[in-house]
Amino acid sequence: MEVIKTDCGLCINCCGVNAYVEDGKLVKVEGTPEHWLNKGKLCPKGERLVDLLYSPARLKYPMKRVGERGSGKWQRISWDQAINEVGDKMLEIREQSGPDSVYWLGSAKHNNEQAYLFRKFAAFWGTNNVDHQARICHSTTVAGVANTWGYGAMTNSYNDIHNSKAILIIGGNPAEAHPVSLQHIFRATERNNAPLIVIDPRFTRTAAHADLYMRLRPGTDVPVVWGMLWHIFENGWEDKEFIRERVYGMDQIRAEVAKWTPEEVERVSGVPEEQVKRVAQIMATHKPGTFIWCMGGTQHTIGNNNTRAYCAFQLALGNMGVAGGGVNALRGESNVQGSTDMAVLYHIIPASLFGIISGFWVVPHPVYEGGPCDEE
């Protein structure tokens, strides 16, 4: 059998895959042992790539339901017929109801180029009614983290978690949702004896591995984080020099946190005071520590509040800009960041963004004076 090295595209990890091909057909897959991320491991989805490829339910060509709605039968049609019928129907709808009558729903499965073209297609169509799945996924992370220090993405890599001396996971369950990432978390717990803390309303499979599990009422992330910061400020555990040199506005955070006394935090969140203090002390005395979250923290009407509180917590401890620290939001689909950056979101203009990212825009600089860029 021929062995072809490739990547799995089912999630954000893009794990290395050894694909075994015999007579032009994929026979089996294994994780690539030397791959930096998955080290030969595959999650249950990755292990079923062969089944996914040859599934009888896989759509191989355009199909059209013919007959009564709800009882018609699917029939194969040509690509030309499919494209013409869809295009003609779209034009008819636009003529009757205007361009805003069509909603363009993108996907984080698109690569950057596909995402850019999709967004441009909607713009040429004449509407701004375009968005994609990240709007209910990590959009609160993107906005919350970007509003804190400028760019809304994970600040550290999986491999960097190996340097963590403490790991706090809130609203995430990587044991089931991001199983490959868990081996990197375990690397830190084994090498550094890093305590693993899990905060979640449910006792998950990830919580089963934790050194300390904290159960909170759903939607009380901010009170719990403020409760931990109350103890950090009360005991002088914050990184005073880091705050003095690099953080603006921590005084306002401190004033807000002062309102969240241990009694009030326990009343609102249901978490006992001793647990909140214990977690705060562990994170303050085991540095650098990483702060990991996922959908449990973001998919709320107050998702922005949550993610900004997570950031404030790490800033107070000076855990930003250091190996083993950071705020690390675990992604799901294979190109959440790229498809949002490449403008499959209604509030971003694709042409200008594409120019910035690709370096198409040249900003004149005094150093070019008298040179070929002078007139520009």
Protein backbone atom coordinates (compact mmCIF):
# COMPACT_ATOMS: atom_id res chain seq x y z
CA MET A 1 0.00 0.00 0.00
CA GLU A 2 1.09 3.54 -0.74
CA VAL A 3 1.30 5.80 2.32
CA ILE A 4 0.34 9.43 1.69
CA LYS A 5 0.90 12.03 4.40
CA THR A 6 -1.99 14.47 4.63
CA ASP A 7 -4.09 16.38 7.17
CA CYS A 8 -7.51 15.78 8.65
CA GLY A 9 -9.79 18.75 7.95
CA LEU A 10 -12.66 17.88 10.27
CA CYS A 11 -11.76 20.37 13.00
CA ILE A 12 -9.42 23.18 13.90
CA ASN A 13 -6.55 20.83 14.78
CA CYS A 14 -5.83 19.62 11.23
CA CYS A 15 -4.05 16.57 12.66
CA GLY A 16 -1.43 14.75 10.65
CA VAL A 17 -2.76 11.64 8.91
CA ASN A 18 -1.04 8.71 7.20
CA ALA A 19 -3.46 7.65 4.46
CA TYR A 20 -3.00 4.09 3.15
CA VAL A 21 -4.03 3.78 -0.50
CA GLU A 22 -4.36 0.54 -2.44
CA ASP A 23 -5.40 0.41 -6.11
CA GLY A 24 -6.42 4.06 -5.95
CA LYS A 25 -8.72 3.54 -2.97
CA LEU A 26 -8.28 4.73 0.60
CA VAL A 27 -8.03 1.63 2.79
CA LYS A 28 -7.22 2.93 6.27
CA VAL A 29 -5.86 5.95 8.15
CA GLU A 30 -3.53 6.39 11.10
CA GLY A 31 -2.20 9.40 12.95
CA THR A 32 1.21 10.61 11.80
CA PRO A 33 3.60 9.76 14.67
CA GLU A 34 6.01 12.63 13.96
CA HIS A 35 3.31 15.29 13.55
CA TRP A 36 3.89 18.13 16.01
CA LEU A 37 0.27 18.33 17.17
CA ASN A 38 -1.38 14.93 17.35
CA LYS A 39 1.79 12.79 17.76
CA GLY A 40 0.17 9.79 16.04
CA LYS A 41 -3.19 10.15 17.78
CA LEU A 42 -6.57 10.62 16.11
CA CYS A 43 -9.94 11.38 17.65
CA PRO A 44 -12.98 9.17 16.88
CA LYS A 45 -13.93 11.43 13.96
CA GLY A 46 -10.47 11.26 12.44
CA GLU A 47 -10.37 7.50 12.82
CA ARG A 48 -13.54 7.23 10.71
CA LEU A 49 -12.25 9.19 7.71
CA VAL A 50 -12.51 6.10 5.51
CA ASP A 51 -16.17 5.64 6.43
CA LEU A 52 -16.83 9.32 5.80
CA LEU A 53 -15.29 9.13 2.33
CA TYR A 54 -17.20 6.02 1.24
CA SER A 55 -20.43 6.57 3.14
CA PRO A 56 -23.53 5.70 1.07
CA ALA A 57 -25.06 8.94 2.35
CA ARG A 58 -22.34 11.08 0.77
CA LEU A 59 -23.59 13.42 -1.94
CA LYS A 60 -21.58 12.92 -5.14
CA TYR A 61 -23.57 15.01 -7.63
CA PRO A 62 -26.52 17.46 -7.73
CA MET A 63 -29.89 16.00 -6.75
CA LYS A 64 -33.36 17.51 -7.19
CA ARG A 65 -36.56 16.46 -5.48
CA VAL A 66 -39.22 15.87 -8.14
CA GLY A 67 -42.89 15.60 -7.28
CA GLU A 68 -45.08 16.77 -4.41
CA ARG A 69 -43.34 18.61 -1.57
CA GLY A 70 -42.66 16.17 1.22
CA SER A 71 -43.36 13.11 -0.91
CA GLY A 72 -41.26 13.68 -4.04
CA LYS A 73 -38.28 11.56 -5.00
CA TRP A 74 -34.68 12.64 -5.45
CA GLN A 75 -33.35 12.51 -9.01
CA ARG A 76 -29.85 13.14 -10.26
CA ILE A 77 -29.42 16.20 -12.48
CA SER A 78 -26.43 17.69 -14.31
CA TRP A 79 -24.21 20.44 -12.91
CA ASP A 80 -25.31 22.78 -15.71
CA GLN A 81 -28.97 22.24 -14.86
CA ALA A 82 -28.35 22.71 -11.14
CA ILE A 83 -26.37 25.94 -11.60
CA ASN A 84 -28.83 27.38 -14.10
CA GLU A 85 -31.91 26.54 -12.06
CA VAL A 86 -30.49 27.95 -8.85
CA GLY A 87 -29.17 31.07 -10.59
CA ASP A 88 -32.42 31.72 -12.44
CA LYS A 89 -34.47 31.27 -9.26
CA MET A 90 -32.21 33.63 -7.33
CA LEU A 91 -32.55 36.30 -10.01
CA GLU A 92 -36.32 35.86 -9.97
CA ILE A 93 -36.41 36.27 -6.18
CA ARG A 94 -34.22 39.37 -6.33
CA GLU A 95 -36.37 40.93 -9.02
CA GLN A 96 -39.55 40.31 -7.04
CA SER A 97 -38.34 40.98 -3.49
CA GLY A 98 -34.99 42.78 -3.71
CA PRO A 99 -31.44 41.65 -2.89
CA ASP A 100 -31.99 41.69 0.89
CA SER A 101 -34.52 38.85 0.56
CA VAL A 102 -31.68 36.29 0.36
CA TYR A 103 -29.63 35.35 3.43
CA TRP A 104 -26.06 34.22 2.73
CA LEU A 105 -24.88 31.73 5.33
CA GLY A 106 -21.16 30.97 5.18
CA SER A 107 -19.13 28.29 6.88
CA ALA A 108 -15.94 27.87 8.85
CA LYS A 109 -15.31 24.81 6.68
CA HIS A 110 -14.38 27.24 3.88
CA ASN A 111 -10.72 28.01 3.37
CA ASN A 112 -9.64 31.67 3.24
CA GLU A 113 -10.06 32.01 -0.52
CA GLN A 114 -13.51 30.42 -0.52
CA ALA A 115 -14.60 32.64 2.37
CA TYR A 116 -13.40 35.75 0.58
CA LEU A 117 -15.20 34.82 -2.66
CA PHE A 118 -18.40 33.93 -0.77
CA ARG A 119 -18.43 37.34 0.93
CA LYS A 120 -17.69 39.13 -2.33
CA PHE A 121 -20.48 37.19 -4.06
CA ALA A 122 -22.96 38.47 -1.48
CA ALA A 123 -21.66 42.01 -1.95
CA PHE A 124 -21.99 41.79 -5.74
CA TRP A 125 -25.48 40.38 -5.23
CA GLY A 126 -26.27 43.63 -3.47
CA THR A 127 -26.85 42.67 0.15
CA ASN A 128 -25.14 42.79 3.50
CA ASN A 129 -27.25 39.90 4.84
CA VAL A 130 -24.25 37.62 5.21
CA ASP A 131 -22.91 35.81 8.24
CA HIS A 132 -21.73 32.38 9.31
CA GLN A 133 -21.67 29.88 12.15
CA ALA A 134 -19.06 31.71 14.23
CA ARG A 135 -21.73 34.27 15.10
CA ILE A 136 -23.05 31.82 17.70
CA CYS A 137 -19.68 30.16 18.22
CA HIS A 138 -16.67 32.28 19.21
CA SER A 139 -17.88 35.70 18.08
CA THR A 140 -18.05 36.73 21.73
CA THR A 141 -14.43 35.62 22.11
CA VAL A 142 -13.35 37.57 19.05
CA ALA A 143 -15.10 40.73 20.25
CA GLY A 144 -14.29 40.34 23.94
CA VAL A 145 -10.61 39.55 23.54
CA ALA A 146 -10.14 42.09 20.73
CA ASN A 147 -11.71 44.80 22.88
CA THR A 148 -9.23 43.94 25.62
CA TRP A 149 -5.94 43.94 23.72
CA GLY A 150 -6.63 44.33 20.04
CA TYR A 151 -6.99 40.92 18.41
CA GLY A 152 -9.52 38.25 19.25
CA ALA A 153 -7.72 34.93 19.04
CA MET A 154 -5.95 32.30 21.08
CA THR A 155 -2.72 33.78 22.44
CA ASN A 156 -0.72 30.57 22.89
CA SER A 157 -0.38 27.25 21.08
CA TYR A 158 -1.14 23.70 22.16
CA ASN A 159 2.58 23.00 22.42
CA ASP A 160 3.03 26.03 24.66
CA ILE A 161 0.61 24.56 27.18
CA HIS A 162 3.44 22.12 27.98
CA ASN A 163 5.04 25.07 29.85
CA SER A 164 2.01 25.77 32.03
CA LYS A 165 2.33 25.39 35.79
CA ALA A 166 -1.46 25.55 36.27
CA ILE A 167 -4.38 24.94 33.91
CA LEU A 168 -7.87 26.40 34.39
CA ILE A 169 -10.65 25.24 32.05
CA ILE A 170 -14.03 26.96 32.21
CA GLY A 171 -16.99 26.13 29.97
CA GLY A 172 -14.96 23.58 28.02
CA ASN A 173 -14.83 19.81 27.77
CA PRO A 174 -11.77 18.92 25.67
CA ALA A 175 -11.88 15.27 26.71
CA GLU A 176 -14.90 14.89 24.43
CA ALA A 177 -14.91 17.99 22.22
CA HIS A 178 -11.16 18.44 21.59
CA PRO A 179 -9.61 15.11 22.57
CA VAL A 180 -6.29 15.71 20.79
CA SER A 181 -5.76 18.90 22.79
CA LEU A 182 -6.10 16.94 26.02
CA GLN A 183 -2.81 15.13 25.50
CA HIS A 184 -1.06 18.52 25.50
CA ILE A 185 -2.84 19.45 28.72
CA PHE A 186 -1.78 16.13 30.23
CA ARG A 187 1.81 16.84 29.16
CA ALA A 188 1.80 19.86 31.48
CA THR A 189 0.15 17.99 34.36
CA GLU A 190 2.74 15.19 34.06
CA ARG A 191 5.90 17.20 33.39
CA ASN A 192 5.23 20.19 35.63
CA ASN A 193 2.87 18.60 38.14
CA ALA A 194 0.51 21.37 37.04
CA PRO A 195 -2.85 21.32 38.86
CA LEU A 196 -5.84 20.99 36.52
CA ILE A 197 -8.90 23.03 37.52
CA VAL A 198 -12.25 22.60 35.77
CA ILE A 199 -15.17 25.01 36.25
CA ASP A 200 -18.43 23.79 34.70
CA PRO A 201 -22.10 23.29 35.64
CA ARG A 202 -21.76 19.63 34.55
CA PHE A 203 -19.35 17.02 35.85
CA THR A 204 -17.79 16.23 32.47
CA ARG A 205 -15.19 13.70 31.37
CA THR A 206 -12.67 16.51 31.56
CA ALA A 207 -13.76 17.25 35.13
CA ALA A 208 -13.11 13.61 35.96
CA HIS A 209 -9.40 14.28 35.33
CA ALA A 210 -9.30 17.50 37.38
CA ASP A 211 -7.45 18.08 40.64
CA LEU A 212 -10.17 20.54 41.58
CA TYR A 213 -13.68 20.73 40.13
CA MET A 214 -15.91 23.75 40.73
CA ARG A 215 -19.63 23.53 39.88
CA LEU A 216 -21.26 26.89 39.21
CA ARG A 217 -24.75 27.94 38.23
CA PRO A 218 -25.06 28.45 34.46
CA GLY A 219 -24.42 32.06 33.46
CA THR A 220 -22.47 33.05 36.59
CA ASP A 221 -18.99 33.01 35.06
CA VAL A 222 -18.34 36.69 35.74
CA PRO A 223 -19.31 36.54 39.45
CA VAL A 224 -17.02 33.53 39.92
CA VAL A 225 -14.09 35.20 38.14
CA TRP A 226 -14.70 38.42 40.09
CA GLY A 227 -14.86 36.29 43.24
CA MET A 228 -11.44 34.82 42.49
CA LEU A 229 -10.06 38.29 41.76
CA TRP A 230 -11.52 39.53 45.07
CA HIS A 231 -9.28 37.08 46.92
CA ILE A 232 -6.31 37.87 44.66
CA PHE A 233 -6.57 41.61 45.36
CA GLU A 234 -7.44 41.09 49.02
CA ASN A 235 -4.28 39.02 49.58
CA GLY A 236 -1.97 41.01 47.32
CA TRP A 237 -1.46 38.09 44.94
CA GLU A 238 -1.76 40.22 41.78
CA ASP A 239 1.32 40.95 39.64
CA LYS A 240 1.75 44.60 40.63
CA GLU A 241 4.72 45.30 38.38
CA PHE A 242 3.05 43.79 35.30
CA ILE A 243 -0.10 45.84 35.96
CA ARG A 244 1.92 49.03 36.48
CA GLU A 245 3.90 48.59 33.27
CA ARG A 246 1.37 47.07 30.90
CA VAL A 247 -2.28 47.26 32.02
CA TYR A 248 -4.62 50.22 31.66
CA GLY A 249 -7.89 50.28 33.58
CA MET A 250 -7.17 47.68 36.27
CA ASP A 251 -8.25 50.21 38.90
CA GLN A 252 -11.78 50.12 37.45
CA ILE A 253 -11.70 46.31 37.54
CA ARG A 254 -10.55 46.41 41.14
CA ALA A 255 -13.41 48.76 42.07
CA GLU A 256 -15.97 46.48 40.40
CA VAL A 257 -14.49 43.35 41.98
CA ALA A 258 -14.72 44.93 45.44
CA LYS A 259 -18.51 44.71 45.17
CA TRP A 260 -18.35 40.92 44.77
CA THR A 261 -17.65 39.79 48.29
CA PRO A 262 -17.35 36.05 49.01
CA GLU A 263 -20.86 36.00 50.46
CA GLU A 264 -22.35 37.63 47.35
CA VAL A 265 -20.43 35.34 44.99
CA GLU A 266 -21.64 32.26 46.85
CA ARG A 267 -25.22 33.55 46.86
CA VAL A 268 -25.24 34.18 43.11
CA SER A 269 -23.11 31.30 41.80
CA GLY A 270 -23.68 28.61 44.41
CA VAL A 271 -19.92 28.03 44.71
CA PRO A 272 -18.62 27.82 48.31
CA GLU A 273 -16.22 30.60 49.30
CA GLU A 274 -13.42 28.19 50.21
CA GLN A 275 -13.46 26.72 46.69
CA VAL A 276 -13.27 30.13 45.03
CA LYS A 277 -10.36 31.15 47.25
CA ARG A 278 -8.57 27.84 46.70
CA VAL A 279 -8.69 28.20 42.91
CA ALA A 280 -7.52 31.83 43.13
CA GLN A 281 -4.61 30.81 45.34
CA ILE A 282 -3.57 27.94 43.06
CA MET A 283 -3.55 30.19 39.99
CA ALA A 284 -1.66 32.92 41.88
CA THR A 285 1.03 30.59 43.22
CA HIS A 286 1.49 28.34 40.16
CA LYS A 287 2.69 30.66 37.41
CA PRO A 288 2.62 30.80 34.50
CA GLY A 289 -0.93 29.48 34.27
CA THR A 290 -3.14 29.12 31.22
CA PHE A 291 -6.84 29.96 31.04
CA ILE A 292 -8.82 27.79 28.60
CA TRP A 293 -12.48 28.13 27.61
CA CYS A 294 -14.90 27.03 24.93
CA MET A 295 -18.61 27.21 24.03
CA GLY A 296 -19.76 27.01 27.64
CA GLY A 297 -18.36 30.49 28.16
CA THR A 298 -19.22 32.09 24.86
CA GLN A 299 -22.73 31.01 23.88
CA HIS A 300 -24.53 33.35 26.25
CA THR A 301 -26.21 36.71 25.84
CA ILE A 302 -23.43 37.89 28.16
CA GLY A 303 -20.66 36.06 26.29
CA ASN A 304 -18.63 39.25 25.82
CA ASN A 305 -18.77 39.89 29.55
CA ASN A 306 -17.45 36.40 30.19
CA THR A 307 -14.52 36.56 27.80
CA ARG A 308 -13.45 40.01 28.98
CA ALA A 309 -13.55 38.80 32.58
CA TYR A 310 -11.32 35.86 31.64
CA CYS A 311 -8.85 38.30 30.08
CA ALA A 312 -8.92 40.61 33.11
CA PHE A 313 -8.13 37.64 35.36
CA GLN A 314 -5.00 36.75 33.38
CA LEU A 315 -3.89 40.37 33.21
CA ALA A 316 -4.18 40.70 36.98
CA LEU A 317 -1.87 37.71 37.45
CA GLY A 318 0.59 38.81 34.76
CA ASN A 319 -0.03 35.63 32.78
CA MET A 320 -0.06 37.35 29.40
CA GLY A 321 2.85 37.46 26.97
CA VAL A 322 4.58 34.55 28.65
CA ALA A 323 5.17 30.93 27.68
CA GLY A 324 2.69 28.69 29.45
CA GLY A 325 0.23 31.52 30.07
CA GLY A 326 -2.33 33.24 27.91
CA VAL A 327 -6.03 32.95 27.20
CA ASN A 328 -6.77 30.00 24.96
CA ALA A 329 -10.20 29.61 23.43
CA LEU A 330 -10.53 26.14 21.92
CA ARG A 331 -11.98 26.35 18.41
CA GLY A 332 -14.13 23.82 16.64
CA GLU A 333 -14.34 24.02 12.85
CA SER A 334 -11.30 23.90 10.64
CA ASN A 335 -11.19 27.60 9.72
CA VAL A 336 -13.14 29.69 12.20
CA GLN A 337 -10.44 32.33 12.45
CA GLY A 338 -9.71 32.49 8.73
CA SER A 339 -13.31 32.67 7.58
CA THR A 340 -14.10 35.46 10.03
CA ASP A 341 -10.91 37.34 9.15
CA MET A 342 -11.69 36.92 5.46
CA ALA A 343 -14.98 38.66 6.02
CA VAL A 344 -17.87 36.17 6.09
CA LEU A 345 -19.36 38.50 8.69
CA TYR A 346 -21.80 41.28 7.89
CA HIS A 347 -19.82 44.04 9.64
CA ILE A 348 -16.53 43.57 7.76
CA ILE A 349 -15.79 44.82 4.24
CA PRO A 350 -13.96 42.11 2.32
CA ALA A 351 -11.99 44.22 -0.16
CA SER A 352 -10.27 46.40 2.42
CA LEU A 353 -9.59 43.50 4.78
CA PHE A 354 -8.14 41.36 2.01
CA GLY A 355 -5.86 44.23 1.04
CA ILE A 356 -4.60 44.67 4.58
CA ILE A 357 -3.97 40.97 5.20
CA SER A 358 -2.31 40.37 1.85
CA GLY A 359 -0.10 43.44 2.11
CA PHE A 360 -1.58 45.05 -1.00
CA TRP A 361 -1.68 48.45 0.68
CA VAL A 362 1.68 50.24 0.85
CA VAL A 363 1.88 52.97 3.46
CA PRO A 364 4.44 55.67 2.55
CA HIS A 365 7.23 56.07 5.08
CA PRO A 366 9.87 58.81 5.42
CA VAL A 367 12.59 56.23 4.83
CA TYR A 368 11.50 56.07 1.16
CA GLU A 369 12.04 59.79 0.61
CA GLY A 370 13.62 60.34 -2.75
CA GLY A 371 13.03 56.75 -3.73
CA PRO A 372 10.58 55.05 -6.12
CA CYS A 373 7.70 55.40 -3.66
CA ASP A 374 8.16 59.15 -3.27
CA GLU A 375 5.25 60.21 -5.46
CA GLU A 376 2.87 57.80 -3.75
